[in-house]
Amino acid sequence: MTQITIAQIKQMLDAGKHDDALQACGSILAQPDLDSQLLADVHYMRGKVHMRCGRVRDALNDYLAAIDLDPDGPATQAYQAAQTILAFYDKNRYNP
């Protein structure tokens, strides 16, 4: 069985193979005794997949899991960006 890498997951994501990327992330996360940095990277990548698929809640959960493991990693910025998007309010869109 070949080992899936973060780079391969990124390629799947870039190619629009979201289901394959989620499956690859799941197979990595199912492995025992993983290094915390790898776990953080996988959660971050899975969060990116969820965001691309419009599953914001799932993405935020994965970003938070990655932040718990690596507070200085890219998930922190991704989480803040997602929060900014969710907090956006355009009062003109709600006026009749």
Protein backbone atom coordinates (compact mmCIF):
# COMPACT_ATOMS: atom_id res chain seq x y z
CA MET A 1 0.00 0.00 0.00
CA THR A 2 1.43 3.35 -1.00
CA GLN A 3 1.59 6.18 1.50
CA ILE A 4 -0.49 9.25 0.62
CA THR A 5 1.26 12.58 1.10
CA ILE A 6 -0.01 16.08 1.77
CA ALA A 7 1.31 17.10 -1.66
CA GLN A 8 -0.85 14.44 -3.29
CA ILE A 9 -3.91 15.66 -1.38
CA LYS A 10 -3.16 19.20 -2.55
CA GLN A 11 -2.95 17.95 -6.14
CA MET A 12 -6.33 16.23 -5.76
CA LEU A 13 -7.81 19.44 -4.37
CA ASP A 14 -6.33 21.54 -7.17
CA ALA A 15 -7.69 19.07 -9.74
CA GLY A 16 -11.18 19.32 -8.25
CA LYS A 17 -11.16 15.74 -6.98
CA HIS A 18 -12.76 16.67 -3.68
CA ASP A 19 -14.11 13.23 -2.82
CA ASP A 20 -10.71 11.66 -3.44
CA ALA A 21 -9.02 14.31 -1.30
CA LEU A 22 -11.47 13.73 1.57
CA GLN A 23 -10.96 9.99 1.33
CA ALA A 24 -7.17 10.44 1.37
CA CYS A 25 -7.39 12.70 4.43
CA GLY A 26 -9.61 10.16 6.16
CA SER A 27 -7.21 7.31 5.44
CA ILE A 28 -4.31 9.28 6.91
CA LEU A 29 -6.30 10.27 9.99
CA ALA A 30 -7.28 6.63 10.54
CA GLN A 31 -3.64 5.65 11.01
CA PRO A 32 -2.42 5.24 14.60
CA ASP A 33 0.42 7.20 16.20
CA LEU A 34 0.69 10.07 13.75
CA ASP A 35 3.05 12.98 14.25
CA SER A 36 1.20 16.10 15.47
CA GLN A 37 2.48 18.21 12.56
CA LEU A 38 1.14 15.71 10.04
CA LEU A 39 -2.20 15.67 11.87
CA ALA A 40 -2.34 19.46 11.74
CA ASP A 41 -1.52 19.46 8.03
CA VAL A 42 -4.18 16.86 7.24
CA HIS A 43 -6.85 18.71 9.23
CA TYR A 44 -5.90 21.93 7.44
CA MET A 45 -6.12 20.27 4.01
CA ARG A 46 -9.43 18.61 4.87
CA GLY A 47 -10.70 22.02 5.98
CA LYS A 48 -9.70 23.46 2.61
CA VAL A 49 -11.61 20.70 0.84
CA HIS A 50 -14.69 21.36 2.96
CA MET A 51 -14.49 25.10 2.19
CA ARG A 52 -14.28 24.43 -1.54
CA CYS A 53 -17.36 22.21 -1.23
CA GLY A 54 -19.27 24.86 0.72
CA ARG A 55 -19.27 22.96 4.01
CA VAL A 56 -18.15 25.89 6.14
CA ARG A 57 -18.96 24.33 9.52
CA ASP A 58 -16.89 21.24 8.74
CA ALA A 59 -14.06 23.44 7.48
CA LEU A 60 -14.05 25.53 10.64
CA ASN A 61 -13.98 22.39 12.79
CA ASP A 62 -10.98 21.07 10.87
CA TYR A 63 -9.21 24.41 11.04
CA LEU A 64 -9.73 24.50 14.81
CA ALA A 65 -8.36 20.96 15.15
CA ALA A 66 -5.29 22.01 13.15
CA ILE A 67 -4.88 25.17 15.25
CA ASP A 68 -4.94 23.10 18.45
CA LEU A 69 -2.04 21.05 17.09
CA ASP A 70 -0.10 23.89 15.42
CA PRO A 71 -1.19 27.40 16.46
CA ASP A 72 1.35 29.03 14.14
CA GLY A 73 0.34 27.02 11.07
CA PRO A 74 -1.70 28.10 8.04
CA ALA A 75 -4.97 26.96 9.59
CA THR A 76 -4.97 30.02 11.86
CA GLN A 77 -5.08 32.38 8.89
CA ALA A 78 -7.62 30.20 7.07
CA TYR A 79 -9.87 30.16 10.14
CA GLN A 80 -9.66 33.95 10.49
CA ALA A 81 -10.44 34.42 6.79
CA ALA A 82 -13.47 32.13 7.06
CA GLN A 83 -14.69 34.03 10.12
CA THR A 84 -14.32 37.32 8.24
CA ILE A 85 -16.39 35.96 5.36
CA LEU A 86 -19.09 34.72 7.72
CA ALA A 87 -19.19 38.03 9.58
CA PHE A 88 -19.64 40.11 6.42
CA TYR A 89 -22.88 42.02 6.37
CA ASP A 90 -24.00 44.34 3.58
CA LYS A 91 -26.89 46.44 4.88
CA ASN A 92 -27.83 47.44 1.34
CA ARG A 93 -28.66 43.87 0.39
CA TYR A 94 -31.32 43.67 3.06
CA ASN A 95 -33.11 46.96 2.33
CA PRO A 96 -36.23 46.74 0.15
